[in-house]
PDB file of N, CA and C in Angstrom:
ATOM      1  N   MET A   1     -27.196  -0.211  15.703  1.00  0.00           N
ATOM      2  CA  MET A   1     -28.103  -0.342  16.798  1.00  0.00           C
ATOM      3  C   MET A   1     -27.452  -1.245  17.836  1.00  0.00           C
ATOM      4  N   LEU A   2     -27.375  -0.789  19.052  1.00  0.00           N
ATOM      5  CA  LEU A   2     -26.805  -1.559  20.138  1.00  0.00           C
ATOM      6  C   LEU A   2     -27.911  -2.166  20.967  1.00  0.00           C
ATOM      7  N   LEU A   3     -27.751  -3.411  21.343  1.00  0.00           N
ATOM      8  CA  LEU A   3     -28.769  -4.070  22.163  1.00  0.00           C
ATOM      9  C   LEU A   3     -28.229  -4.275  23.568  1.00  0.00           C
ATOM     10  N   TRP A   4     -28.985  -3.814  24.548  1.00  0.00           N
ATOM     11  CA  TRP A   4     -28.627  -4.006  25.943  1.00  0.00           C
ATOM     12  C   TRP A   4     -29.715  -4.855  26.580  1.00  0.00           C
ATOM     13  N   TYR A   5     -29.389  -6.005  27.090  1.00  0.00           N
ATOM     14  CA  TYR A   5     -30.389  -6.894  27.678  1.00  0.00           C
ATOM     15  C   TYR A   5     -30.782  -6.401  29.067  1.00  0.00           C
ATOM     16  N   HIS A   6     -31.834  -6.985  29.615  1.00  0.00           N
ATOM     17  CA  HIS A   6     -32.442  -6.501  30.858  1.00  0.00           C
ATOM     18  C   HIS A   6     -31.454  -6.479  32.020  1.00  0.00           C
ATOM     19  N   THR A   7     -30.337  -7.207  31.954  1.00  0.00           N
ATOM     20  CA  THR A   7     -29.352  -7.158  33.038  1.00  0.00           C
ATOM     21  C   THR A   7     -28.600  -5.839  33.044  1.00  0.00           C
ATOM     22  N   ARG A   8     -28.618  -5.138  31.936  1.00  0.00           N
ATOM     23  CA  ARG A   8     -27.899  -3.864  31.845  1.00  0.00           C
ATOM     24  C   ARG A   8     -28.860  -2.685  31.672  1.00  0.00           C
ATOM     25  N   LEU A   9     -30.054  -2.825  32.125  1.00  0.00           N
ATOM     26  CA  LEU A   9     -31.032  -1.763  31.949  1.00  0.00           C
ATOM     27  C   LEU A   9     -30.645  -0.490  32.696  1.00  0.00           C
ATOM     28  N   THR A  10     -29.903  -0.620  33.784  1.00  0.00           N
ATOM     29  CA  THR A  10     -29.511   0.594  34.507  1.00  0.00           C
ATOM     30  C   THR A  10     -28.592   1.456  33.644  1.00  0.00           C
ATOM     31  N   PHE A  11     -27.690   0.839  32.913  1.00  0.00           N
ATOM     32  CA  PHE A  11     -26.810   1.583  32.029  1.00  0.00           C
ATOM     33  C   PHE A  11     -27.600   2.219  30.896  1.00  0.00           C
ATOM     34  N   VAL A  12     -28.583   1.485  30.376  1.00  0.00           N
ATOM     35  CA  VAL A  12     -29.415   2.020  29.305  1.00  0.00           C
ATOM     36  C   VAL A  12     -30.236   3.188  29.802  1.00  0.00           C
ATOM     37  N   ASN A  13     -30.739   3.100  31.030  1.00  0.00           N
ATOM     38  CA  ASN A  13     -31.528   4.202  31.566  1.00  0.00           C
ATOM     39  C   ASN A  13     -30.692   5.478  31.664  1.00  0.00           C
ATOM     40  N   ILE A  14     -29.403   5.325  31.946  1.00  0.00           N
ATOM     41  CA  ILE A  14     -28.528   6.493  32.003  1.00  0.00           C
ATOM     42  C   ILE A  14     -28.334   7.060  30.601  1.00  0.00           C
ATOM     43  N   CYS A  15     -28.199   6.161  29.601  1.00  0.00           N
ATOM     44  CA  CYS A  15     -27.939   6.599  28.234  1.00  0.00           C
ATOM     45  C   CYS A  15     -29.176   7.117  27.522  1.00  0.00           C
ATOM     46  N   VAL A  16     -30.364   6.838  28.045  1.00  0.00           N
ATOM     47  CA  VAL A  16     -31.595   7.246  27.379  1.00  0.00           C
ATOM     48  C   VAL A  16     -31.665   8.756  27.267  1.00  0.00           C
ATOM     49  N   LYS A  17     -31.079   9.465  28.198  1.00  0.00           N
ATOM     50  CA  LYS A  17     -31.108  10.921  28.142  1.00  0.00           C
ATOM     51  C   LYS A  17     -30.342  11.456  26.934  1.00  0.00           C
ATOM     52  N   MET A  18     -29.297  10.681  26.500  1.00  0.00           N
ATOM     53  CA  MET A  18     -28.479  11.140  25.376  1.00  0.00           C
ATOM     54  C   MET A  18     -28.995  10.652  24.027  1.00  0.00           C
ATOM     55  N   VAL A  19     -29.576   9.443  23.961  1.00  0.00           N
ATOM     56  CA  VAL A  19     -30.022   8.871  22.702  1.00  0.00           C
ATOM     57  C   VAL A  19     -31.435   8.360  22.837  1.00  0.00           C
ATOM     58  N   GLU A  20     -32.032   8.056  21.691  1.00  0.00           N
ATOM     59  CA  GLU A  20     -33.380   7.514  21.705  1.00  0.00           C
ATOM     60  C   GLU A  20     -33.328   6.028  22.047  1.00  0.00           C
ATOM     61  N   ALA A  21     -34.333   5.543  22.745  1.00  0.00           N
ATOM     62  CA  ALA A  21     -34.405   4.114  23.063  1.00  0.00           C
ATOM     63  C   ALA A  21     -35.804   3.615  22.717  1.00  0.00           C
ATOM     64  N   THR A  22     -35.852   2.412  22.151  1.00  0.00           N
ATOM     65  CA  THR A  22     -37.128   1.778  21.821  1.00  0.00           C
ATOM     66  C   THR A  22     -37.106   0.338  22.309  1.00  0.00           C
ATOM     67  N   GLU A  23     -38.271  -0.220  22.589  1.00  0.00           N
ATOM     68  CA  GLU A  23     -38.378  -1.595  23.080  1.00  0.00           C
ATOM     69  C   GLU A  23     -38.245  -2.578  21.919  1.00  0.00           C
ATOM     70  N   CYS A  24     -37.516  -3.691  22.140  1.00  0.00           N
ATOM     71  CA  CYS A  24     -37.350  -4.755  21.162  1.00  0.00           C
ATOM     72  C   CYS A  24     -37.887  -6.054  21.761  1.00  0.00           C
ATOM     73  N   HIS A  25     -37.805  -7.111  21.016  1.00  0.00           N
ATOM     74  CA  HIS A  25     -38.249  -8.417  21.503  1.00  0.00           C
ATOM     75  C   HIS A  25     -37.262  -8.969  22.537  1.00  0.00           C
ATOM     76  N   HIS A  26     -37.639  -9.913  23.331  1.00  0.00           N
ATOM     77  CA  HIS A  26     -36.837 -10.598  24.339  1.00  0.00           C
ATOM     78  C   HIS A  26     -36.320  -9.660  25.427  1.00  0.00           C
ATOM     79  N   ASN A  27     -37.131  -8.727  25.860  1.00  0.00           N
ATOM     80  CA  ASN A  27     -36.783  -7.810  26.952  1.00  0.00           C
ATOM     81  C   ASN A  27     -35.481  -7.048  26.706  1.00  0.00           C
ATOM     82  N   ALA A  28     -35.204  -6.698  25.463  1.00  0.00           N
ATOM     83  CA  ALA A  28     -33.996  -5.943  25.151  1.00  0.00           C
ATOM     84  C   ALA A  28     -34.386  -4.534  24.749  1.00  0.00           C
ATOM     85  N   VAL A  29     -33.493  -3.612  24.942  1.00  0.00           N
ATOM     86  CA  VAL A  29     -33.726  -2.228  24.581  1.00  0.00           C
ATOM     87  C   VAL A  29     -32.768  -1.880  23.462  1.00  0.00           C
ATOM     88  N   ALA A  30     -33.284  -1.337  22.381  1.00  0.00           N
ATOM     89  CA  ALA A  30     -32.443  -0.928  21.253  1.00  0.00           C
ATOM     90  C   ALA A  30     -32.068   0.525  21.421  1.00  0.00           C
ATOM     91  N   VAL A  31     -30.793   0.814  21.343  1.00  0.00           N
ATOM     92  CA  VAL A  31     -30.306   2.181  21.502  1.00  0.00           C
ATOM     93  C   VAL A  31     -29.899   2.681  20.115  1.00  0.00           C
ATOM     94  N   ASN A  32     -30.532   3.748  19.661  1.00  0.00           N
ATOM     95  CA  ASN A  32     -30.217   4.325  18.354  1.00  0.00           C
ATOM     96  C   ASN A  32     -29.359   5.566  18.571  1.00  0.00           C
ATOM     97  N   MET A  33     -28.115   5.509  18.101  1.00  0.00           N
ATOM     98  CA  MET A  33     -27.227   6.655  18.246  1.00  0.00           C
ATOM     99  C   MET A  33     -27.297   7.485  16.964  1.00  0.00           C
ATOM    100  N   LYS A  34     -27.398   8.773  17.120  1.00  0.00           N
ATOM    101  CA  LYS A  34     -27.523   9.664  15.968  1.00  0.00           C
ATOM    102  C   LYS A  34     -26.150  10.184  15.538  1.00  0.00           C
ATOM    103  N   ASP A  35     -25.988  10.360  14.233  1.00  0.00           N
ATOM    104  CA  ASP A  35     -24.807  10.980  13.627  1.00  0.00           C
ATOM    105  C   ASP A  35     -23.485  10.337  14.047  1.00  0.00           C
ATOM    106  N   ILE A  36     -23.418   9.011  14.010  1.00  0.00           N
ATOM    107  CA  ILE A  36     -22.158   8.341  14.341  1.00  0.00           C
ATOM    108  C   ILE A  36     -21.434   7.858  13.106  1.00  0.00           C
ATOM    109  N   HIS A  37     -22.110   7.844  11.955  1.00  0.00           N
ATOM    110  CA  HIS A  37     -21.489   7.353  10.733  1.00  0.00           C
ATOM    111  C   HIS A  37     -21.051   8.512   9.857  1.00  0.00           C
ATOM    112  N   PRO A  38     -19.933   8.361   9.139  1.00  0.00           N
ATOM    113  CA  PRO A  38     -19.497   9.431   8.228  1.00  0.00           C
ATOM    114  C   PRO A  38     -20.417   9.518   7.014  1.00  0.00           C
ATOM    115  N   LYS A  39     -20.345  10.609   6.312  1.00  0.00           N
ATOM    116  CA  LYS A  39     -21.173  10.795   5.123  1.00  0.00           C
ATOM    117  C   LYS A  39     -20.714   9.835   4.023  1.00  0.00           C
ATOM    118  N   TYR A  40     -21.657   9.214   3.350  1.00  0.00           N
ATOM    119  CA  TYR A  40     -21.368   8.226   2.298  1.00  0.00           C
ATOM    120  C   TYR A  40     -21.598   8.865   0.935  1.00  0.00           C
ATOM    121  N   TYR A  41     -20.585   8.758   0.065  1.00  0.00           N
ATOM    122  CA  TYR A  41     -20.683   9.280  -1.290  1.00  0.00           C
ATOM    123  C   TYR A  41     -20.837   8.090  -2.249  1.00  0.00           C
ATOM    124  N   PRO A  42     -22.020   7.892  -2.829  1.00  0.00           N
ATOM    125  CA  PRO A  42     -22.213   6.736  -3.729  1.00  0.00           C
ATOM    126  C   PRO A  42     -21.461   6.876  -5.049  1.00  0.00           C
ATOM    127  N   LYS A  43     -21.088   8.086  -5.419  1.00  0.00           N
ATOM    128  CA  LYS A  43     -20.351   8.304  -6.669  1.00  0.00           C
ATOM    129  C   LYS A  43     -19.027   8.997  -6.387  1.00  0.00           C
ATOM    130  N   ALA A  44     -18.211   8.373  -5.539  1.00  0.00           N
ATOM    131  CA  ALA A  44     -16.890   8.924  -5.236  1.00  0.00           C
ATOM    132  C   ALA A  44     -15.965   8.677  -6.425  1.00  0.00           C
ATOM    133  N   LYS A  45     -15.147   9.645  -6.763  1.00  0.00           N
ATOM    134  CA  LYS A  45     -14.284   9.555  -7.930  1.00  0.00           C
ATOM    135  C   LYS A  45     -12.872   9.143  -7.499  1.00  0.00           C
ATOM    136  N   ILE A  46     -12.336   8.076  -8.107  1.00  0.00           N
ATOM    137  CA  ILE A  46     -10.986   7.619  -7.852  1.00  0.00           C
ATOM    138  C   ILE A  46     -10.167   7.912  -9.103  1.00  0.00           C
ATOM    139  N   THR A  47      -9.046   8.630  -8.945  1.00  0.00           N
ATOM    140  CA  THR A  47      -8.177   8.990 -10.051  1.00  0.00           C
ATOM    141  C   THR A  47      -6.804   8.388  -9.826  1.00  0.00           C
ATOM    142  N   CYS A  48      -6.292   7.693 -10.850  1.00  0.00           N
ATOM    143  CA  CYS A  48      -4.983   7.057 -10.768  1.00  0.00           C
ATOM    144  C   CYS A  48      -3.927   7.988 -11.366  1.00  0.00           C
ATOM    145  N   ALA A  49      -2.653   7.723 -11.039  1.00  0.00           N
ATOM    146  CA  ALA A  49      -1.561   8.520 -11.577  1.00  0.00           C
ATOM    147  C   ALA A  49      -1.411   8.307 -13.088  1.00  0.00           C
ATOM    148  N   CYS A  50      -1.874   7.149 -13.594  1.00  0.00           N
ATOM    149  CA  CYS A  50      -1.775   6.887 -15.034  1.00  0.00           C
ATOM    150  C   CYS A  50      -2.831   7.655 -15.828  1.00  0.00           C
ATOM    151  N   GLY A  51      -3.831   8.222 -15.142  1.00  0.00           N
ATOM    152  CA  GLY A  51      -4.845   9.014 -15.810  1.00  0.00           C
ATOM    153  C   GLY A  51      -6.234   8.384 -15.811  1.00  0.00           C
ATOM    154  N   LYS A  52      -6.336   7.099 -15.505  1.00  0.00           N
ATOM    155  CA  LYS A  52      -7.634   6.438 -15.497  1.00  0.00           C
ATOM    156  C   LYS A  52      -8.410   6.843 -14.252  1.00  0.00           C
ATOM    157  N   SER A  53      -9.719   7.042 -14.407  1.00  0.00           N
ATOM    158  CA  SER A  53     -10.570   7.375 -13.271  1.00  0.00           C
ATOM    159  C   SER A  53     -11.852   6.547 -13.343  1.00  0.00           C
ATOM    160  N   PHE A  54     -12.384   6.220 -12.181  1.00  0.00           N
ATOM    161  CA  PHE A  54     -13.639   5.478 -12.099  1.00  0.00           C
ATOM    162  C   PHE A  54     -14.347   5.856 -10.817  1.00  0.00           C
ATOM    163  N   THR A  55     -15.609   5.460 -10.701  1.00  0.00           N
ATOM    164  CA  THR A  55     -16.417   5.841  -9.555  1.00  0.00           C
ATOM    165  C   THR A  55     -16.791   4.603  -8.745  1.00  0.00           C
ATOM    166  N   VAL A  56     -16.790   4.778  -7.434  1.00  0.00           N
ATOM    167  CA  VAL A  56     -17.212   3.750  -6.484  1.00  0.00           C
ATOM    168  C   VAL A  56     -17.895   4.442  -5.319  1.00  0.00           C
ATOM    169  N   GLY A  57     -18.458   3.669  -4.418  1.00  0.00           N
ATOM    170  CA  GLY A  57     -19.034   4.219  -3.207  1.00  0.00           C
ATOM    171  C   GLY A  57     -17.980   4.288  -2.121  1.00  0.00           C
ATOM    172  N   SER A  58     -17.882   5.447  -1.451  1.00  0.00           N
ATOM    173  CA  SER A  58     -16.855   5.622  -0.425  1.00  0.00           C
ATOM    174  C   SER A  58     -17.282   6.713   0.543  1.00  0.00           C
ATOM    175  N   THR A  59     -16.545   6.821   1.647  1.00  0.00           N
ATOM    176  CA  THR A  59     -16.777   7.905   2.594  1.00  0.00           C
ATOM    177  C   THR A  59     -15.928   9.123   2.278  1.00  0.00           C
ATOM    178  N   VAL A  60     -15.077   9.025   1.269  1.00  0.00           N
ATOM    179  CA  VAL A  60     -14.261  10.156   0.809  1.00  0.00           C
ATOM    180  C   VAL A  60     -14.698  10.477  -0.618  1.00  0.00           C
ATOM    181  N   GLU A  61     -14.881  11.751  -0.917  1.00  0.00           N
ATOM    182  CA  GLU A  61     -15.434  12.139  -2.213  1.00  0.00           C
ATOM    183  C   GLU A  61     -14.452  11.972  -3.362  1.00  0.00           C
ATOM    184  N   ASN A  62     -13.195  12.390  -3.194  1.00  0.00           N
ATOM    185  CA  ASN A  62     -12.148  12.265  -4.221  1.00  0.00           C
ATOM    186  C   ASN A  62     -10.966  11.519  -3.637  1.00  0.00           C
ATOM    187  N   ILE A  63     -10.474  10.485  -4.373  1.00  0.00           N
ATOM    188  CA  ILE A  63      -9.352   9.681  -3.923  1.00  0.00           C
ATOM    189  C   ILE A  63      -8.296   9.667  -5.033  1.00  0.00           C
ATOM    190  N   GLN A  64      -7.042   9.942  -4.660  1.00  0.00           N
ATOM    191  CA  GLN A  64      -5.924   9.898  -5.596  1.00  0.00           C
ATOM    192  C   GLN A  64      -5.092   8.662  -5.268  1.00  0.00           C
ATOM    193  N   VAL A  65      -4.837   7.795  -6.263  1.00  0.00           N
ATOM    194  CA  VAL A  65      -4.025   6.585  -6.058  1.00  0.00           C
ATOM    195  C   VAL A  65      -2.875   6.571  -7.057  1.00  0.00           C
ATOM    196  N   GLU A  66      -1.817   5.797  -6.721  1.00  0.00           N
ATOM    197  CA  GLU A  66      -0.652   5.700  -7.608  1.00  0.00           C
ATOM    198  C   GLU A  66      -0.792   4.571  -8.604  1.00  0.00           C
ATOM    199  N   LEU A  67      -1.410   3.466  -8.205  1.00  0.00           N
ATOM    200  CA  LEU A  67      -1.570   2.300  -9.068  1.00  0.00           C
ATOM    201  C   LEU A  67      -3.031   1.871  -9.095  1.00  0.00           C
ATOM    202  N   CYS A  68      -3.477   1.395 -10.260  1.00  0.00           N
ATOM    203  CA  CYS A  68      -4.819   0.862 -10.394  1.00  0.00           C
ATOM    204  C   CYS A  68      -4.742  -0.429 -11.191  1.00  0.00           C
ATOM    205  N   SER A  69      -5.872  -1.010 -11.490  1.00  0.00           N
ATOM    206  CA  SER A  69      -5.877  -2.271 -12.241  1.00  0.00           C
ATOM    207  C   SER A  69      -5.413  -2.080 -13.683  1.00  0.00           C
ATOM    208  N   ALA A  70      -5.448  -0.864 -14.193  1.00  0.00           N
ATOM    209  CA  ALA A  70      -4.999  -0.615 -15.561  1.00  0.00           C
ATOM    210  C   ALA A  70      -3.480  -0.518 -15.673  1.00  0.00           C
ATOM    211  N   CYS A  71      -2.799  -0.160 -14.575  1.00  0.00           N
ATOM    212  CA  CYS A  71      -1.353   0.031 -14.667  1.00  0.00           C
ATOM    213  C   CYS A  71      -0.562  -0.850 -13.695  1.00  0.00           C
ATOM    214  N   HIS A  72      -1.221  -1.631 -12.848  1.00  0.00           N
ATOM    215  CA  HIS A  72      -0.506  -2.479 -11.896  1.00  0.00           C
ATOM    216  C   HIS A  72       0.132  -3.668 -12.615  1.00  0.00           C
ATOM    217  N   PRO A  73       1.398  -3.997 -12.325  1.00  0.00           N
ATOM    218  CA  PRO A  73       2.098  -5.082 -13.037  1.00  0.00           C
ATOM    219  C   PRO A  73       1.419  -6.439 -12.890  1.00  0.00           C
ATOM    220  N   PHE A  74       0.732  -6.686 -11.782  1.00  0.00           N
ATOM    221  CA  PHE A  74       0.065  -7.963 -11.588  1.00  0.00           C
ATOM    222  C   PHE A  74      -1.043  -8.164 -12.625  1.00  0.00           C
ATOM    223  N   TYR A  75      -1.780  -7.106 -12.943  1.00  0.00           N
ATOM    224  CA  TYR A  75      -2.884  -7.202 -13.884  1.00  0.00           C
ATOM    225  C   TYR A  75      -2.439  -7.045 -15.338  1.00  0.00           C
ATOM    226  N   THR A  76      -1.415  -6.230 -15.577  1.00  0.00           N
ATOM    227  CA  THR A  76      -0.997  -5.974 -16.954  1.00  0.00           C
ATOM    228  C   THR A  76       0.013  -6.999 -17.461  1.00  0.00           C
ATOM    229  N   GLY A  77       0.778  -7.614 -16.555  1.00  0.00           N
ATOM    230  CA  GLY A  77       1.799  -8.570 -16.967  1.00  0.00           C
ATOM    231  C   GLY A  77       3.086  -7.906 -17.417  1.00  0.00           C
ATOM    232  N   LYS A  78       3.150  -6.597 -17.349  1.00  0.00           N
ATOM    233  CA  LYS A  78       4.363  -5.856 -17.731  1.00  0.00           C
ATOM    234  C   LYS A  78       5.045  -5.358 -16.472  1.00  0.00           C
ATOM    235  N   GLN A  79       6.378  -5.358 -16.505  1.00  0.00           N
ATOM    236  CA  GLN A  79       7.119  -4.871 -15.349  1.00  0.00           C
ATOM    237  C   GLN A  79       7.170  -3.360 -15.404  1.00  0.00           C
ATOM    238  N   LYS A  80       6.741  -2.739 -14.330  1.00  0.00           N
ATOM    239  CA  LYS A  80       6.770  -1.290 -14.240  1.00  0.00           C
ATOM    240  C   LYS A  80       7.383  -0.939 -12.893  1.00  0.00           C
ATOM    241  N   LEU A  81       8.479  -0.220 -12.914  1.00  0.00           N
ATOM    242  CA  LEU A  81       9.144   0.147 -11.677  1.00  0.00           C
ATOM    243  C   LEU A  81       8.655   1.527 -11.249  1.00  0.00           C
ATOM    244  N   VAL A  82       8.048   1.573 -10.091  1.00  0.00           N
ATOM    245  CA  VAL A  82       7.585   2.832  -9.536  1.00  0.00           C
ATOM    246  C   VAL A  82       8.705   3.337  -8.640  1.00  0.00           C
ATOM    247  N   ASP A  83       9.471   4.294  -9.148  1.00  0.00           N
ATOM    248  CA  ASP A  83      10.655   4.752  -8.450  1.00  0.00           C
ATOM    249  C   ASP A  83      10.652   6.269  -8.421  1.00  0.00           C
ATOM    250  N   THR A  84      10.326   6.823  -7.275  1.00  0.00           N
ATOM    251  CA  THR A  84      10.270   8.275  -7.170  1.00  0.00           C
ATOM    252  C   THR A  84      11.599   8.879  -6.754  1.00  0.00           C
ATOM    253  N   ALA A  85      12.471   8.094  -6.138  1.00  0.00           N
ATOM    254  CA  ALA A  85      13.741   8.629  -5.650  1.00  0.00           C
ATOM    255  C   ALA A  85      14.912   8.217  -6.523  1.00  0.00           C
ATOM    256  N   ARG A  86      14.674   7.736  -7.721  1.00  0.00           N
ATOM    257  CA  ARG A  86      15.716   7.301  -8.671  1.00  0.00           C
ATOM    258  C   ARG A  86      16.599   6.191  -8.105  1.00  0.00           C
ATOM    259  N   ARG A  87      16.091   5.366  -7.214  1.00  0.00           N
ATOM    260  CA  ARG A  87      16.902   4.320  -6.598  1.00  0.00           C
ATOM    261  C   ARG A  87      17.331   3.268  -7.610  1.00  0.00           C
ATOM    262  N   VAL A  88      16.406   2.887  -8.491  1.00  0.00           N
ATOM    263  CA  VAL A  88      16.723   1.855  -9.479  1.00  0.00           C
ATOM    264  C   VAL A  88      17.772   2.385 -10.468  1.00  0.00           C
ATOM    265  N   GLU A  89      17.603   3.613 -10.925  1.00  0.00           N
ATOM    266  CA  GLU A  89      18.567   4.195 -11.856  1.00  0.00           C
ATOM    267  C   GLU A  89      19.946   4.326 -11.211  1.00  0.00           C
ATOM    268  N   LYS A  90      20.003   4.747  -9.963  1.00  0.00           N
ATOM    269  CA  LYS A  90      21.284   4.869  -9.275  1.00  0.00           C
ATOM    270  C   LYS A  90      21.956   3.506  -9.135  1.00  0.00           C
ATOM    271  N   PHE A  91      21.155   2.476  -8.810  1.00  0.00           N
ATOM    272  CA  PHE A  91      21.708   1.125  -8.690  1.00  0.00           C
ATOM    273  C   PHE A  91      22.279   0.655 -10.023  1.00  0.00           C
ATOM    274  N   ARG A  92      21.549   0.881 -11.107  1.00  0.00           N
ATOM    275  CA  ARG A  92      22.023   0.465 -12.427  1.00  0.00           C
ATOM    276  C   ARG A  92      23.300   1.215 -12.827  1.00  0.00           C
ATOM    277  N   GLU A  93      23.399   2.500 -12.473  1.00  0.00           N
ATOM    278  CA  GLU A  93      24.606   3.271 -12.761  1.00  0.00           C
ATOM    279  C   GLU A  93      25.818   2.711 -11.995  1.00  0.00           C
ATOM    280  N   ARG A  94      25.606   2.384 -10.707  1.00  0.00           N
ATOM    281  CA  ARG A  94      26.699   1.817  -9.911  1.00  0.00           C
ATOM    282  C   ARG A  94      27.115   0.461 -10.458  1.00  0.00           C
ATOM    283  N   LEU A  95      26.144  -0.345 -10.878  1.00  0.00           N
ATOM    284  CA  LEU A  95      26.444  -1.664 -11.425  1.00  0.00           C
ATOM    285  C   LEU A  95      27.242  -1.545 -12.723  1.00  0.00           C
ATOM    286  N   ALA A  96      26.847  -0.602 -13.581  1.00  0.00           N
ATOM    287  CA  ALA A  96      27.586  -0.393 -14.836  1.00  0.00           C
ATOM    288  C   ALA A  96      29.003   0.086 -14.552  1.00  0.00           C
ATOM    289  N   LYS A  97      29.174   0.963 -13.577  1.00  0.00           N
ATOM    290  CA  LYS A  97      30.494   1.464 -13.216  1.00  0.00           C
ATOM    291  C   LYS A  97      31.381   0.314 -12.711  1.00  0.00           C
ATOM    292  N   LYS A  98      30.817  -0.595 -11.899  1.00  0.00           N
ATOM    293  CA  LYS A  98      31.584  -1.733 -11.388  1.00  0.00           C
ATOM    294  C   LYS A  98      31.971  -2.683 -12.517  1.00  0.00           C
ATOM    295  N   GLU A  99      31.096  -2.875 -13.482  1.00  0.00           N
ATOM    296  CA  GLU A  99      31.408  -3.754 -14.618  1.00  0.00           C
ATOM    297  C   GLU A  99      32.542  -3.170 -15.465  1.00  0.00           C
ATOM    298  N   ILE A 100      32.553  -1.860 -15.657  1.00  0.00           N
ATOM    299  CA  ILE A 100      33.631  -1.211 -16.416  1.00  0.00           C
ATOM    300  C   ILE A 100      34.956  -1.355 -15.686  1.00  0.00           C
ATOM    301  N   GLU A 101      34.939  -1.152 -14.368  1.00  0.00           N
ATOM    302  CA  GLU A 101      36.162  -1.293 -13.578  1.00  0.00           C
ATOM    303  C   GLU A 101      36.656  -2.742 -13.577  1.00  0.00           C
ATOM    304  N   ALA A 102      35.738  -3.673 -13.525  1.00  0.00           N
ATOM    305  CA  ALA A 102      36.125  -5.089 -13.538  1.00  0.00           C
ATOM    306  C   ALA A 102      36.756  -5.452 -14.878  1.00  0.00           C
ATOM    307  N   ALA A 103      36.292  -4.866 -15.965  1.00  0.00           N
ATOM    308  CA  ALA A 103      36.864  -5.156 -17.277  1.00  0.00           C
ATOM    309  C   ALA A 103      38.275  -4.571 -17.395  1.00  0.00           C
ATOM    310  N   LYS A 104      38.525  -3.442 -16.740  1.00  0.00           N
ATOM    311  CA  LYS A 104      39.856  -2.820 -16.779  1.00  0.00           C
ATOM    312  C   LYS A 104      40.866  -3.613 -15.965  1.00  0.00           C
ATOM    313  N   ARG A 105      40.429  -4.180 -14.838  1.00  0.00           N
ATOM    314  CA  ARG A 105      41.340  -4.932 -13.983  1.00  0.00           C
ATOM    315  C   ARG A 105      41.751  -6.238 -14.653  1.00  0.00           C
ATOM    316  N   LYS A 106      42.929  -6.661 -14.321  1.00  0.00           N
ATOM    317  CA  LYS A 106      43.390  -7.934 -14.844  1.00  0.00           C
ATOM    318  C   LYS A 106      43.018  -9.012 -13.828  1.00  0.00           C
ATOM    319  N   GLY A 107      42.578 -10.106 -14.330  1.00  0.00           N
ATOM    320  CA  GLY A 107      42.122 -11.178 -13.464  1.00  0.00           C
ATOM    321  C   GLY A 107      43.245 -12.011 -12.890  1.00  0.00           C
ATOM    322  N   ARG A 108      42.895 -13.022 -12.146  1.00  0.00           N
ATOM    323  CA  ARG A 108      43.836 -13.908 -11.494  1.00  0.00           C
ATOM    324  C   ARG A 108      44.663 -14.695 -12.511  1.00  0.00           C
ATOM    325  N   LYS A 109      44.031 -15.087 -13.599  1.00  0.00           N
ATOM    326  CA  LYS A 109      44.740 -15.876 -14.613  1.00  0.00           C
ATOM    327  C   LYS A 109      45.908 -15.083 -15.216  1.00  0.00           C
ATOM    328  N   SER A 110      45.678 -13.819 -15.518  1.00  0.00           N
ATOM    329  CA  SER A 110      46.763 -13.022 -16.123  1.00  0.00           C
ATOM    330  C   SER A 110      47.903 -12.820 -15.129  1.00  0.00           C
ATOM    331  N   LYS A 111      47.589 -12.673 -13.851  1.00  0.00           N
ATOM    332  CA  LYS A 111      48.639 -12.513 -12.844  1.00  0.00           C
ATOM    333  C   LYS A 111      49.458 -13.792 -12.698  1.00  0.00           C
ATOM    334  N   THR A 112      48.809 -14.938 -12.689  1.00  0.00           N
ATOM    335  CA  THR A 112      49.551 -16.201 -12.564  1.00  0.00           C
ATOM    336  C   THR A 112      50.406 -16.459 -13.806  1.00  0.00           C
ATOM    337  N   GLU A 113      49.913 -16.066 -14.956  1.00  0.00           N
ATOM    338  CA  GLU A 113      50.700 -16.229 -16.187  1.00  0.00           C
ATOM    339  C   GLU A 113      51.958 -15.359 -16.149  1.00  0.00           C
ATOM    340  N   LYS A 114      51.846 -14.143 -15.619  1.00  0.00           N
ATOM    341  CA  LYS A 114      53.016 -13.275 -15.497  1.00  0.00           C
ATOM    342  C   LYS A 114      54.054 -13.877 -14.554  1.00  0.00           C
ATOM    343  N   ARG A 115      53.572 -14.449 -13.436  1.00  0.00           N
ATOM    344  CA  ARG A 115      54.494 -15.082 -12.494  1.00  0.00           C
ATOM    345  C   ARG A 115      55.211 -16.260 -13.132  1.00  0.00           C
ATOM    346  N   LYS A 116      54.470 -17.054 -13.877  1.00  0.00           N
ATOM    347  CA  LYS A 116      55.069 -18.204 -14.545  1.00  0.00           C
ATOM    348  C   LYS A 116      56.112 -17.763 -15.595  1.00  0.00           C
ATOM    349  N   ALA A 117      55.793 -16.672 -16.282  1.00  0.00           N
ATOM    350  CA  ALA A 117      56.722 -16.162 -17.297  1.00  0.00           C
ATOM    351  C   ALA A 117      58.002 -15.658 -16.643  1.00  0.00           C
ATOM    352  N   LYS A 118      57.905 -15.023 -15.499  1.00  0.00           N
ATOM    353  CA  LYS A 118      59.090 -14.550 -14.778  1.00  0.00           C
ATOM    354  C   LYS A 118      59.946 -15.728 -14.294  1.00  0.00           C
ATOM    355  N   ARG A 119      59.293 -16.783 -13.836  1.00  0.00           N
ATOM    356  CA  ARG A 119      60.018 -17.964 -13.346  1.00  0.00           C
ATOM    357  C   ARG A 119      60.779 -18.658 -14.477  1.00  0.00           C
ATOM    358  N   THR A 120      60.138 -18.735 -15.637  1.00  0.00           N
ATOM    359  CA  THR A 120      60.797 -19.400 -16.749  1.00  0.00           C
ATOM    360  C   THR A 120      61.950 -18.572 -17.313  1.00  0.00           C
ATOM    361  N   GLU A 121      61.892 -17.243 -17.200  1.00  0.00           N
ATOM    362  CA  GLU A 121      62.959 -16.379 -17.684  1.00  0.00           C
ATOM    363  C   GLU A 121      64.228 -16.558 -16.836  1.00  0.00           C
ATOM    364  N   LYS A 122      64.073 -16.835 -15.564  1.00  0.00           N
ATOM    365  CA  LYS A 122      65.239 -16.948 -14.676  1.00  0.00           C
ATOM    366  C   LYS A 122      65.939 -18.204 -14.904  1.00  0.00           C
TER     367      LYS A 122
END
C-alpha cells in the first residue's frame, strides 16, 4: 500500500483511474495496486544434488540446489570438493608429475660433489 499525502493529491487523482483509492487517517490517500506480487507457494519443494529434499515457502514452486545443510562442508565438518570441470584432479596430476621429475633430477649437492671430485682428480 502506497501512501500519498495531501501535497501529492494531484498525482493520486491521476492514478485513481488505474487503481483503487481509499481515504486513510491524516489526510492521506492509500493506493491499492492489484496483481503486483508474484504467486506464493507455501509448500515449495527444494531438492539438493545429494538427494535431500525439504519444503519451504517461496515464489518458485520447485528449486534445484547443489549444496544444502546436509552436504555443505561448513555444517558437516568434512571437506568436499565440488569440482565439475576436474580442475582439482588435473592440478593433483600435474603436481604428481612435477614431483616425479624432481626426484629424477639431480640436486645442487650432487652437482657440487661431482665438481669437487673432478678437482681432486686433477
